[in-house]
N, C-alpha and C. Protein backbone atom coordinates (compact mmCIF):
# COMPACT_ATOMS: atom_id res chain seq x y z
N MET A 1 6.36 -5.18 11.96
CA MET A 1 6.73 -4.83 12.75
C MET A 1 7.22 -3.00 12.09
N LEU A 2 6.54 -2.41 12.53
CA LEU A 2 6.46 -0.97 12.59
C LEU A 2 7.91 -0.25 13.17
N PHE A 3 8.51 0.32 12.12
CA PHE A 3 9.66 1.68 12.79
C PHE A 3 9.12 2.48 13.15
N PRO A 4 9.58 3.20 13.99
CA PRO A 4 9.35 4.38 14.85
C PRO A 4 8.58 5.55 13.77
N SER A 5 9.68 5.89 13.21
CA SER A 5 9.35 7.03 11.97
C SER A 5 7.99 6.57 11.41
N LEU A 6 7.85 6.06 10.35
CA LEU A 6 6.85 5.57 9.25
C LEU A 6 5.65 5.51 10.53
N GLY A 7 5.82 4.34 11.74
CA GLY A 7 4.39 4.42 12.48
C GLY A 7 4.00 5.64 12.75
N SER A 8 5.11 6.76 13.27
CA SER A 8 4.52 7.79 13.70
C SER A 8 3.59 8.48 13.21
N THR A 9 4.26 8.46 11.47
CA THR A 9 3.81 9.12 10.49
C THR A 9 2.57 8.21 9.63
N ILE A 10 2.33 7.07 9.88
CA ILE A 10 0.74 6.43 9.58
C ILE A 10 0.10 6.76 10.61
N ASN A 11 -0.24 6.93 11.84
CA ASN A 11 -0.48 7.42 13.02
C ASN A 11 -1.06 8.70 12.65
N GLN A 12 -0.30 9.50 12.14
CA GLN A 12 -0.49 11.29 11.94
C GLN A 12 -1.76 11.47 10.63
N SER A 13 -1.49 10.42 9.40
CA SER A 13 -2.18 10.48 8.48
C SER A 13 -3.22 9.73 8.48
N PHE A 14 -3.11 8.37 9.14
CA PHE A 14 -4.48 7.79 9.19
C PHE A 14 -5.10 7.47 10.47
N SER A 15 -4.80 7.70 11.32
CA SER A 15 -4.86 7.52 12.97
C SER A 15 -4.38 6.44 13.21
N SER A 16 -4.29 5.56 12.54
CA SER A 16 -3.91 3.85 13.38
C SER A 16 -3.22 3.18 12.01
N VAL A 17 -2.72 2.15 12.42
CA VAL A 17 -1.96 1.43 11.44
C VAL A 17 -3.29 0.28 10.64
N GLU A 18 -4.25 0.12 12.03
CA GLU A 18 -5.53 -0.39 11.35
C GLU A 18 -6.36 0.28 10.51
N LYS A 19 -6.35 1.63 10.63
CA LYS A 19 -7.34 2.26 9.96
C LYS A 19 -6.88 2.47 8.44
N LEU A 20 -4.99 2.26 8.32
CA LEU A 20 -4.22 2.44 7.16
C LEU A 20 -4.96 0.78 6.36
N ILE A 21 -4.49 -0.22 7.14
CA ILE A 21 -5.10 -1.53 6.62
C ILE A 21 -6.13 -1.16 6.08
N ALA A 22 -7.23 -0.48 6.85
CA ALA A 22 -8.71 -1.02 6.33
C ALA A 22 -8.84 -0.39 4.76
N LYS A 23 -8.06 1.09 5.36
CA LYS A 23 -8.38 2.10 3.84
C LYS A 23 -7.62 1.24 2.69
N LYS A 24 -6.43 0.54 2.51
CA LYS A 24 -5.53 -0.01 1.86
C LYS A 24 -6.83 -1.25 1.22
N ASN A 25 -7.37 -1.90 1.95
CA ASN A 25 -8.19 -3.13 1.71
C ASN A 25 -9.12 -2.41 1.05
N ALA A 26 -9.93 -1.58 1.29
CA ALA A 26 -11.17 -1.51 0.75
C ALA A 26 -10.78 -0.70 -0.73
N LYS A 27 -9.64 0.16 -0.91
CA LYS A 27 -9.36 0.44 -2.09
C LYS A 27 -9.12 -0.28 -3.05
N GLY A 28 -8.17 -1.31 -2.84
CA GLY A 28 -7.86 -2.50 -3.11
C GLY A 28 -9.08 -3.97 -3.60
N ALA A 29 -10.01 -3.52 -2.65
CA ALA A 29 -11.39 -4.65 -3.00
C ALA A 29 -12.32 -3.63 -4.60
N ALA A 30 -12.40 -2.56 -4.30
CA ALA A 30 -12.81 -1.76 -5.61
C ALA A 30 -11.95 -1.98 -6.74
N VAL A 31 -10.77 -2.06 -6.87
CA VAL A 31 -10.58 -1.93 -8.17
C VAL A 31 -10.82 -3.05 -8.77
N GLN A 32 -11.37 -2.53 -10.09
CA GLN A 32 -12.00 -3.28 -11.48
C GLN A 32 -10.70 -4.22 -11.95
N GLY A 33 -10.99 -5.33 -12.32
CA GLY A 33 -9.91 -6.10 -13.17
C GLY A 33 -8.63 -6.11 -12.36
N SER A 34 -7.55 -6.35 -12.91
CA SER A 34 -6.36 -6.21 -12.67
C SER A 34 -5.85 -4.62 -12.28
N GLY A 35 -4.82 -4.73 -11.13
CA GLY A 35 -4.02 -3.29 -10.72
C GLY A 35 -3.48 -3.43 -9.64
N TRP A 36 -3.53 -2.79 -8.79
CA TRP A 36 -2.28 -2.62 -7.30
C TRP A 36 -3.18 -1.66 -6.61
N VAL A 37 -2.59 -1.89 -5.62
CA VAL A 37 -3.15 -0.58 -4.53
C VAL A 37 -2.12 -0.48 -3.64
N TRP A 38 -1.39 0.99 -3.46
CA TRP A 38 0.14 1.42 -2.92
C TRP A 38 -0.45 2.04 -1.67
N LEU A 39 0.60 2.16 -0.65
CA LEU A 39 0.86 2.92 0.30
C LEU A 39 2.30 4.00 -0.51
N ALA A 40 2.17 5.06 -0.35
CA ALA A 40 3.16 5.79 -0.95
C ALA A 40 3.51 6.76 -0.10
N VAL A 41 4.73 7.72 -0.11
CA VAL A 41 4.86 9.01 0.12
C VAL A 41 5.24 10.04 -0.91
N ASP A 42 4.22 10.86 -0.51
CA ASP A 42 4.89 12.16 -1.32
C ASP A 42 5.84 12.94 -1.02
N ILE A 43 6.97 12.75 -1.60
CA ILE A 43 8.17 13.29 -1.25
C ILE A 43 8.03 15.10 -1.57
N GLU A 44 7.07 15.30 -2.13
CA GLU A 44 7.12 17.40 -2.35
C GLU A 44 5.96 17.77 -1.02
N LEU A 45 4.73 16.83 -0.46
CA LEU A 45 4.24 17.22 0.35
C LEU A 45 4.34 16.72 1.44
N LYS A 46 5.28 15.86 1.80
CA LYS A 46 5.80 15.08 2.88
C LYS A 46 4.68 14.40 3.65
N ARG A 47 3.71 13.50 2.76
CA ARG A 47 2.58 13.14 3.49
C ARG A 47 2.48 11.73 2.97
N LEU A 48 1.85 10.92 3.48
CA LEU A 48 1.76 9.35 3.11
C LEU A 48 0.38 9.40 2.26
N VAL A 49 0.10 8.56 1.22
CA VAL A 49 -1.28 8.62 0.51
C VAL A 49 -1.46 6.98 0.23
N VAL A 50 -2.58 6.68 -0.09
CA VAL A 50 -2.84 5.42 -0.94
C VAL A 50 -3.37 5.79 -2.20
N GLU A 51 -2.94 5.09 -3.07
CA GLU A 51 -3.41 5.16 -4.54
C GLU A 51 -3.57 3.54 -4.75
N THR A 52 -4.53 3.43 -6.22
CA THR A 52 -4.77 2.17 -6.84
C THR A 52 -4.22 2.85 -8.09
N THR A 53 -3.68 2.09 -9.20
CA THR A 53 -3.50 1.78 -10.45
C THR A 53 -4.00 0.43 -11.05
N SER A 54 -4.23 0.83 -12.14
CA SER A 54 -4.87 0.15 -13.44
C SER A 54 -3.77 -0.64 -13.90
N ASN A 55 -3.93 -2.18 -14.03
CA ASN A 55 -3.58 -3.21 -15.15
C ASN A 55 -1.80 -3.17 -14.28
N GLN A 56 -0.83 -2.96 -15.30
CA GLN A 56 0.46 -3.04 -14.36
C GLN A 56 1.04 -1.44 -14.24
N ASP A 57 0.06 -0.90 -14.41
CA ASP A 57 0.54 0.86 -14.29
C ASP A 57 1.40 1.10 -13.43
N PRO A 58 2.55 1.58 -13.22
CA PRO A 58 3.51 2.29 -12.61
C PRO A 58 2.75 3.11 -11.49
N LEU A 59 3.38 3.62 -10.26
CA LEU A 59 2.22 4.68 -9.56
C LEU A 59 2.94 5.98 -9.82
N VAL A 60 3.73 6.10 -10.80
CA VAL A 60 4.41 7.35 -11.02
C VAL A 60 3.33 7.63 -12.20
N THR A 61 2.55 6.84 -12.59
CA THR A 61 1.02 7.61 -13.58
C THR A 61 0.26 8.55 -12.60
N LYS A 62 0.29 8.32 -11.37
CA LYS A 62 -0.37 9.36 -10.36
C LYS A 62 0.33 10.57 -9.81
N GLY A 63 1.48 10.70 -10.64
CA GLY A 63 2.31 11.64 -10.21
C GLY A 63 3.83 11.45 -9.82
N PRO A 64 4.67 12.50 -10.13
CA PRO A 64 6.17 12.34 -10.07
C PRO A 64 6.65 11.73 -8.91
N SER A 65 6.23 12.80 -7.92
CA SER A 65 6.64 13.16 -6.22
C SER A 65 5.99 11.86 -5.71
N LEU A 66 5.74 10.82 -6.10
CA LEU A 66 4.73 9.79 -5.24
C LEU A 66 6.05 8.66 -5.36
N VAL A 67 6.35 8.32 -4.25
CA VAL A 67 7.27 7.11 -3.74
C VAL A 67 6.68 5.74 -3.09
N PRO A 68 6.59 4.66 -3.90
CA PRO A 68 6.11 3.72 -3.12
C PRO A 68 6.78 2.79 -2.17
N LEU A 69 5.82 2.84 -0.97
CA LEU A 69 6.29 1.69 0.19
C LEU A 69 6.15 0.46 0.14
N LEU A 70 4.89 0.75 -0.17
CA LEU A 70 4.27 -0.80 0.12
C LEU A 70 3.20 -0.92 -1.24
N GLY A 71 3.35 -1.75 -2.10
CA GLY A 71 2.50 -2.41 -3.38
C GLY A 71 1.60 -3.86 -3.18
N ILE A 72 0.47 -3.81 -3.35
CA ILE A 72 -0.01 -4.97 -3.02
C ILE A 72 -0.70 -5.46 -4.58
N ASP A 73 -0.25 -6.25 -5.23
CA ASP A 73 -1.07 -6.75 -6.30
C ASP A 73 -2.56 -7.42 -6.62
N VAL A 74 -3.42 -6.75 -6.80
CA VAL A 74 -4.76 -7.49 -6.54
C VAL A 74 -5.41 -7.56 -8.10
N SER A 75 -4.48 -8.27 -8.73
CA SER A 75 -4.69 -9.28 -9.93
C SER A 75 -5.07 -10.14 -9.60
N GLU A 76 -5.87 -11.32 -10.51
CA GLU A 76 -6.46 -12.32 -9.94
C GLU A 76 -5.14 -13.12 -9.75
N HIS A 77 -4.17 -12.87 -10.76
CA HIS A 77 -3.04 -14.24 -10.85
C HIS A 77 -2.33 -13.99 -9.77
N ALA A 78 -2.74 -12.97 -8.88
CA ALA A 78 -1.66 -12.90 -7.22
C ALA A 78 -2.66 -13.75 -6.26
N TYR A 79 -3.83 -13.94 -6.32
CA TYR A 79 -4.64 -14.59 -5.35
C TYR A 79 -5.17 -15.78 -5.54
N ASN A 80 -5.87 -16.01 -6.96
CA ASN A 80 -6.74 -16.65 -7.36
C ASN A 80 -6.83 -18.12 -7.06
N LEU A 81 -5.55 -19.02 -6.86
CA LEU A 81 -5.43 -20.13 -6.47
C LEU A 81 -5.92 -20.72 -4.75
N GLN A 82 -5.14 -19.54 -3.95
CA GLN A 82 -5.17 -19.91 -2.70
C GLN A 82 -6.16 -19.40 -2.34
N TYR A 83 -6.71 -18.31 -2.67
CA TYR A 83 -8.09 -17.54 -2.21
C TYR A 83 -9.39 -17.71 -2.98
N LYS A 84 -8.95 -18.61 -3.99
CA LYS A 84 -10.14 -18.95 -4.99
C LYS A 84 -11.36 -17.71 -5.33
N ASN A 85 -10.61 -16.50 -6.05
CA ASN A 85 -10.96 -15.28 -6.54
C ASN A 85 -11.94 -14.69 -5.55
N VAL A 86 -11.56 -14.53 -4.01
CA VAL A 86 -11.93 -13.86 -2.82
C VAL A 86 -11.10 -12.75 -2.44
N ARG A 87 -11.07 -11.48 -3.39
CA ARG A 87 -9.80 -10.73 -3.04
C ARG A 87 -9.88 -10.09 -1.62
N PRO A 88 -11.44 -9.80 -1.18
CA PRO A 88 -11.08 -9.57 0.37
C PRO A 88 -10.44 -10.29 1.59
N ASP A 89 -10.50 -11.73 1.24
CA ASP A 89 -9.94 -12.79 1.89
C ASP A 89 -8.08 -12.45 1.87
N TYR A 90 -8.02 -12.39 0.57
CA TYR A 90 -6.14 -12.06 -0.02
C TYR A 90 -5.93 -10.78 0.79
N LEU A 91 -6.63 -9.73 1.07
CA LEU A 91 -6.33 -8.52 1.44
C LEU A 91 -6.15 -8.42 2.88
N LYS A 92 -7.09 -9.36 3.43
CA LYS A 92 -6.81 -9.29 4.69
C LYS A 92 -5.55 -10.39 5.13
N ASN A 93 -5.68 -11.20 4.67
CA ASN A 93 -4.12 -11.78 5.04
C ASN A 93 -3.04 -11.54 4.36
N ILE A 94 -3.19 -10.74 3.40
CA ILE A 94 -1.58 -10.08 2.75
C ILE A 94 -0.67 -9.38 3.92
N TRP A 95 -1.04 -8.82 5.07
CA TRP A 95 -0.49 -8.24 5.88
C TRP A 95 0.04 -9.08 6.65
N LYS A 96 0.05 -10.08 6.60
CA LYS A 96 0.86 -11.27 7.47
C LYS A 96 2.75 -11.13 7.15
N VAL A 97 2.48 -10.59 5.86
CA VAL A 97 3.66 -10.54 5.12
C VAL A 97 4.13 -9.69 4.81
N ILE A 98 3.70 -8.62 4.81
CA ILE A 98 4.53 -7.24 4.53
C ILE A 98 5.16 -6.83 5.20
N ASN A 99 6.35 -6.69 4.22
CA ASN A 99 8.11 -6.01 4.74
C ASN A 99 7.88 -4.54 5.36
N TRP A 100 7.73 -4.54 6.58
CA TRP A 100 7.65 -3.20 7.22
C TRP A 100 8.96 -2.64 7.15
N LYS A 101 9.75 -3.51 7.62
CA LYS A 101 11.42 -3.08 7.25
C LYS A 101 11.77 -2.01 5.94
N TYR A 102 11.51 -2.71 4.76
CA TYR A 102 11.83 -2.50 3.46
C TYR A 102 11.08 -1.19 3.95
N ALA A 103 9.59 -0.73 3.69
CA ALA A 103 8.86 -0.11 3.59
C ALA A 103 9.56 1.36 4.84
N SER A 104 9.67 0.96 5.88
CA SER A 104 10.63 2.01 6.69
C SER A 104 11.88 2.52 5.90
N GLU A 105 12.90 1.65 5.61
CA GLU A 105 14.09 2.06 4.91
C GLU A 105 13.76 2.93 4.06
N VAL A 106 12.72 2.66 3.17
CA VAL A 106 12.34 3.86 1.62
C VAL A 106 12.11 5.07 2.60
N TYR A 107 10.89 4.85 3.67
CA TYR A 107 10.73 6.22 4.02
C TYR A 107 11.35 6.98 4.80
N GLU A 108 12.41 6.71 5.28
CA GLU A 108 13.90 7.26 6.07
C GLU A 108 14.62 7.95 4.98
N LYS A 109 14.59 7.51 3.64
CA LYS A 109 15.67 7.55 2.86
C LYS A 109 14.62 8.84 2.19
N GLU A 110 13.24 8.58 1.72
CA GLU A 110 13.19 9.63 1.13
C GLU A 110 12.46 11.04 2.02
N CYS A 111 12.27 10.85 3.60
CA CYS A 111 11.60 11.89 4.10
C CYS A 111 12.87 11.68 5.35
N PRO A 112 14.08 11.82 5.22
CA PRO A 112 15.05 12.05 6.68
C PRO A 112 14.35 13.08 7.40
């Protein structure tokens, strides 16, 4: 469940939640080896971005103004037992358990 402010910003930035999900899934599937795909807010530019990081690198390595809202671990250990190393299936289903409330709270705190 999206909260109004974050939902509105997602629509402005990506046209829809579905397009955001498609973008995050595509970028997450393209990560070579271990890593993360992030939805973040750039607090300097006041905009949402989708970024990836390798291995266990934190999002701050992409820029000090990026604050993570949603991170998805795309390392094999996150999905290999249940999804038999089929990362796209994992990415498709992870959205069923995303904590939008937490992401919205962080967004509201960072972009009042």
